[in-house]
Structure formats: structure tokens, C-alpha cells
Amino acid sequence: MTWPVPTTLIGQHVRLEPLEQAHAADLQAASAALGQKWYTPIPAPDMIAAEITRRNAEPNMTAFAQCLPDGRAVGMTTYMNTTKADRRVEIGSTWVSPEVQRSKFNTEAKLLLLTHAFEDLNCIRVELRTHRMNHQSRAAIERLGAQLEAILRNHMIMPDGTYRDTAVYAIIENEWPTIKTHLEHKLT
């Protein structure tokens, strides 16, 4: 059984829904607006349906469509590398349309995911990982309050054959109350 169980998380600026093929058309448009970046794999518009299928087939993934309040999907995010016995999740494979980047949308999405992880799933650790060269993503993760723990060198082979150095960040349970207050303040 998938853990965490797919659920809908609702905020004022964002709605995180279990990822379904019904989101594909919106996500194709969002992917096209974003374009490709060499340091992060974003599914091309014609690969969105396959990516939805892949994420939903993985046993250690719970995938979400990131939607505007009107229901239009503008990105994806995932609890991945989940370990129920260790009460740990990673938030990753996240991308959003440029129209919502650096906005309350993304801050609230992370607040919803983190709140669900720490308060509903009783996680003791939430990880966030990104390519060492993805400075935009690293800055966003650091603005959340996550701590850089390591750079895993030659950690992955990218689709183009280059090696990815992975920056590993984490938030642990005793840090959560302060980080939650910080994120809530950013949304005011």
C-alpha cells in the first residue's frame, strides 16, 4: 500500500490534489511555458501523461498536481523515497509554471506538504534534494528554513549523461514549529 495515502491539501493560494491523468492538459501547457533546463528534468509536454503514470506506479511515491484555487494545474510535486518505518519523506520532483514561481503559491504548497508530513504523518525528517547547480531551487529551499546537510558528488547520471551532484537539505521534527511559524509569517 502506498504511504502516504494520496490526499488533497487545500490552502488559500494553492490546492494540492492527487495527480491524475485529468490534470494532463493543464500540465502540458505549464510544462511548455517552463521549457527545459539542463540541470533538472522537467517532462516535455508530450511526456506528461507518461510521467503521471510513472509517478503513480512507484510504490514509494505520492504525487500531487499543484493547482490554482480555480482548479487549473500549474505544476507537480511528490512525496518520494518515503519510509514509513523511519517516518521520513522527501519532497521532490517539483516544478511549477513561471507564473507562480517566487510567489505565495509555492510557499503555501511547501507549508501544506510540510504540515501534512510532520503533523498528520508524524514524520521525524523531511528531505529536499536538488542539483547542486540549480541555484534557483537551492535558494527556494533555503528560504523555507531547510538546512544543507551534504553535497553528494556524482550522485546520479542525468538523462544527457552528465553527472549530478545532489544538494541534500532537511528539516527535522524539532525544527518544524519554528519553520512553520516562519512560513505562516511569509504568507501574511
Protein backbone atom coordinates (compact mmCIF):
# COMPACT_ATOMS: atom_id res chain seq x y z
CA MET A 1 0.00 0.00 0.00
CA THR A 2 1.22 3.49 -0.85
CA TRP A 3 2.36 5.60 2.07
CA PRO A 4 1.42 8.34 2.44
CA VAL A 5 -2.08 7.71 1.14
CA PRO A 6 -2.99 10.21 -1.61
CA THR A 7 -4.96 13.12 -0.20
CA THR A 8 -5.97 16.66 -1.17
CA LEU A 9 -4.32 19.53 0.70
CA ILE A 10 -6.07 22.89 0.41
CA GLY A 11 -4.74 26.37 1.11
CA GLN A 12 -5.75 29.89 0.16
CA HIS A 13 -3.36 30.14 -2.83
CA VAL A 14 -2.84 26.50 -3.81
CA ARG A 15 -4.65 23.20 -3.92
CA LEU A 16 -2.57 20.01 -3.96
CA GLU A 17 -4.57 17.17 -5.48
CA PRO A 18 -3.63 13.54 -6.05
CA LEU A 19 -2.03 13.53 -9.51
CA GLU A 20 -4.33 12.11 -12.21
CA GLN A 21 -4.49 11.96 -15.99
CA ALA A 22 -7.28 14.57 -15.78
CA HIS A 23 -4.51 17.09 -14.97
CA ALA A 24 -2.51 16.26 -18.13
CA ALA A 25 -3.75 19.03 -20.45
CA ASP A 26 -3.10 21.77 -17.90
CA LEU A 27 0.30 20.32 -17.06
CA GLN A 28 1.26 20.13 -20.73
CA ALA A 29 0.63 23.88 -21.01
CA ALA A 30 2.57 24.56 -17.79
CA SER A 31 5.49 22.43 -18.97
CA ALA A 32 5.57 24.21 -22.34
CA ALA A 33 5.66 27.61 -20.58
CA LEU A 34 8.53 26.47 -18.37
CA GLY A 35 10.76 24.97 -21.03
CA GLN A 36 13.70 22.68 -20.36
CA LYS A 37 16.62 23.28 -18.03
CA TRP A 38 19.76 21.19 -18.32
CA TYR A 39 20.10 20.68 -14.56
CA THR A 40 16.57 19.48 -13.79
CA PRO A 41 14.40 17.00 -15.68
CA ILE A 42 11.02 18.59 -16.43
CA PRO A 43 8.76 16.38 -18.53
CA ALA A 44 8.21 17.77 -22.02
CA PRO A 45 4.54 18.39 -22.86
CA ASP A 46 4.29 15.16 -24.88
CA MET A 47 5.68 13.19 -21.91
CA ILE A 48 3.27 14.46 -19.25
CA ALA A 49 0.84 11.53 -19.49
CA ALA A 50 3.68 9.03 -19.16
CA GLU A 51 5.12 10.97 -16.19
CA ILE A 52 1.75 10.89 -14.42
CA THR A 53 1.58 7.13 -14.96
CA ARG A 54 5.18 6.65 -13.77
CA ARG A 55 4.75 8.68 -10.58
CA ASN A 56 1.52 6.89 -9.70
CA ALA A 57 3.08 3.45 -10.29
CA GLU A 58 6.06 3.97 -7.96
CA PRO A 59 5.44 2.32 -4.57
CA ASN A 60 7.42 4.92 -2.61
CA MET A 61 5.83 7.97 -4.23
CA THR A 62 2.71 10.00 -3.56
CA ALA A 63 2.33 12.52 -6.37
CA PHE A 64 0.36 15.76 -6.41
CA ALA A 65 -0.84 18.18 -9.05
CA GLN A 66 -0.21 21.72 -7.87
CA CYS A 67 -3.36 23.64 -8.75
CA LEU A 68 -4.53 27.22 -8.54
CA PRO A 69 -7.70 27.83 -6.49
CA ASP A 70 -9.69 27.72 -9.77
CA GLY A 71 -8.54 24.11 -10.27
CA ARG A 72 -6.04 24.68 -13.09
CA ALA A 73 -2.91 22.55 -12.61
CA VAL A 74 0.34 24.52 -12.96
CA GLY A 75 2.88 22.00 -11.67
CA MET A 76 3.71 18.73 -9.95
CA THR A 77 5.31 17.77 -6.66
CA THR A 78 5.86 14.45 -4.94
CA TYR A 79 6.49 12.79 -1.63
CA MET A 80 9.17 10.36 -2.72
CA ASN A 81 11.67 7.92 -1.23
CA THR A 82 9.15 7.51 1.57
CA THR A 83 9.95 5.27 4.52
CA LYS A 84 7.02 4.70 6.86
CA ALA A 85 9.10 2.70 9.36
CA ASP A 86 11.56 5.61 9.64
CA ARG A 87 8.80 8.25 9.39
CA ARG A 88 10.66 10.04 6.61
CA VAL A 89 9.66 11.57 3.30
CA GLU A 90 11.43 13.56 0.62
CA ILE A 91 9.64 16.37 -1.18
CA GLY A 92 10.91 16.35 -4.73
CA SER A 93 10.45 16.16 -8.47
CA THR A 94 8.80 19.54 -8.08
CA TRP A 95 8.25 22.01 -10.87
CA VAL A 96 5.77 24.84 -11.40
CA SER A 97 4.87 27.21 -14.20
CA PRO A 98 6.76 30.52 -14.24
CA GLU A 99 3.51 32.35 -13.42
CA VAL A 100 3.59 31.08 -9.83
CA GLN A 101 7.32 30.87 -9.16
CA ARG A 102 8.59 33.04 -6.28
CA SER A 103 5.05 33.64 -5.06
CA LYS A 104 2.82 32.75 -2.12
CA PHE A 105 1.68 29.76 -4.21
CA ASN A 106 4.97 27.89 -3.77
CA THR A 107 5.44 28.95 -0.14
CA GLU A 108 1.96 27.72 0.73
CA ALA A 109 2.45 24.47 -1.21
CA LYS A 110 5.52 23.68 0.87
CA LEU A 111 3.71 24.70 4.07
CA LEU A 112 0.87 22.29 3.24
CA LEU A 113 3.26 19.44 2.41
CA LEU A 114 5.40 20.00 5.49
CA THR A 115 2.39 20.37 7.80
CA HIS A 116 0.92 17.13 6.45
CA ALA A 117 4.28 15.36 6.83
CA PHE A 118 5.05 16.49 10.39
CA GLU A 119 1.57 16.80 11.88
CA ASP A 120 -0.50 14.12 10.12
CA LEU A 121 2.13 11.54 9.15
CA ASN A 122 4.28 12.13 12.25
CA CYS A 123 7.46 12.35 10.21
CA ILE A 124 10.68 12.98 12.06
CA ARG A 125 12.51 14.17 8.92
CA VAL A 126 11.62 15.73 5.57
CA GLU A 127 14.32 15.93 2.90
CA LEU A 128 14.53 18.18 -0.14
CA ARG A 129 17.14 17.49 -2.82
CA THR A 130 18.21 19.34 -5.93
CA HIS A 131 21.05 19.59 -8.41
CA ARG A 132 23.99 21.48 -6.93
CA MET A 133 23.84 23.84 -9.93
CA ASN A 134 20.12 24.61 -9.55
CA HIS A 135 20.67 27.88 -7.71
CA GLN A 136 17.02 28.95 -8.00
CA SER A 137 15.81 25.75 -6.34
CA ARG A 138 18.52 25.86 -3.69
CA ALA A 139 17.62 29.44 -2.79
CA ALA A 140 13.93 28.49 -2.52
CA ILE A 141 14.74 25.52 -0.27
CA GLU A 142 16.94 27.69 1.93
CA ARG A 143 14.17 30.33 2.19
CA LEU A 144 11.98 27.60 3.68
CA GLY A 145 14.47 27.17 6.50
CA ALA A 146 15.82 23.75 5.50
CA GLN A 147 19.43 23.02 6.42
CA LEU A 148 22.03 21.96 3.86
CA GLU A 149 23.42 18.64 5.07
CA ALA A 150 25.61 17.45 2.22
CA ILE A 151 26.58 17.61 -1.42
CA LEU A 152 26.52 14.07 -2.81
CA ARG A 153 29.08 14.18 -5.63
CA ASN A 154 28.41 12.15 -8.80
CA HIS A 155 25.19 11.04 -7.13
CA MET A 156 23.12 10.49 -10.29
CA ILE A 157 23.52 10.20 -14.04
CA MET A 158 21.33 12.76 -15.79
CA PRO A 159 19.37 11.96 -18.97
CA ASP A 160 22.05 13.76 -21.02
CA GLY A 161 24.79 11.60 -19.47
CA THR A 162 26.26 14.28 -17.19
CA TYR A 163 26.73 13.56 -13.50
CA ARG A 164 24.53 15.27 -10.94
CA ASP A 165 25.95 16.50 -7.68
CA THR A 166 22.94 16.47 -5.35
CA ALA A 167 22.46 19.08 -2.64
CA VAL A 168 20.66 17.42 0.28
CA TYR A 169 18.61 19.58 2.62
CA ALA A 170 16.43 18.53 5.55
CA ILE A 171 14.03 19.75 8.17
CA ILE A 172 13.76 17.65 11.33
CA GLU A 173 10.86 17.45 13.73
CA ASN A 174 12.24 19.73 16.45
CA GLU A 175 12.85 22.47 13.83
CA TRP A 176 9.32 22.23 12.46
CA PRO A 177 7.49 24.61 14.89
CA THR A 178 9.87 27.48 14.13
CA ILE A 179 9.85 26.81 10.39
CA LYS A 180 6.05 26.59 10.38
CA THR A 181 5.82 30.00 12.10
CA HIS A 182 8.31 31.39 9.56
CA LEU A 183 6.30 30.10 6.58
CA GLU A 184 2.99 31.27 8.01
CA HIS A 185 4.51 34.74 8.50
CA LYS A 186 5.70 34.77 4.85
CA LEU A 187 2.09 34.21 3.77
CA THR A 188 0.70 37.23 5.65
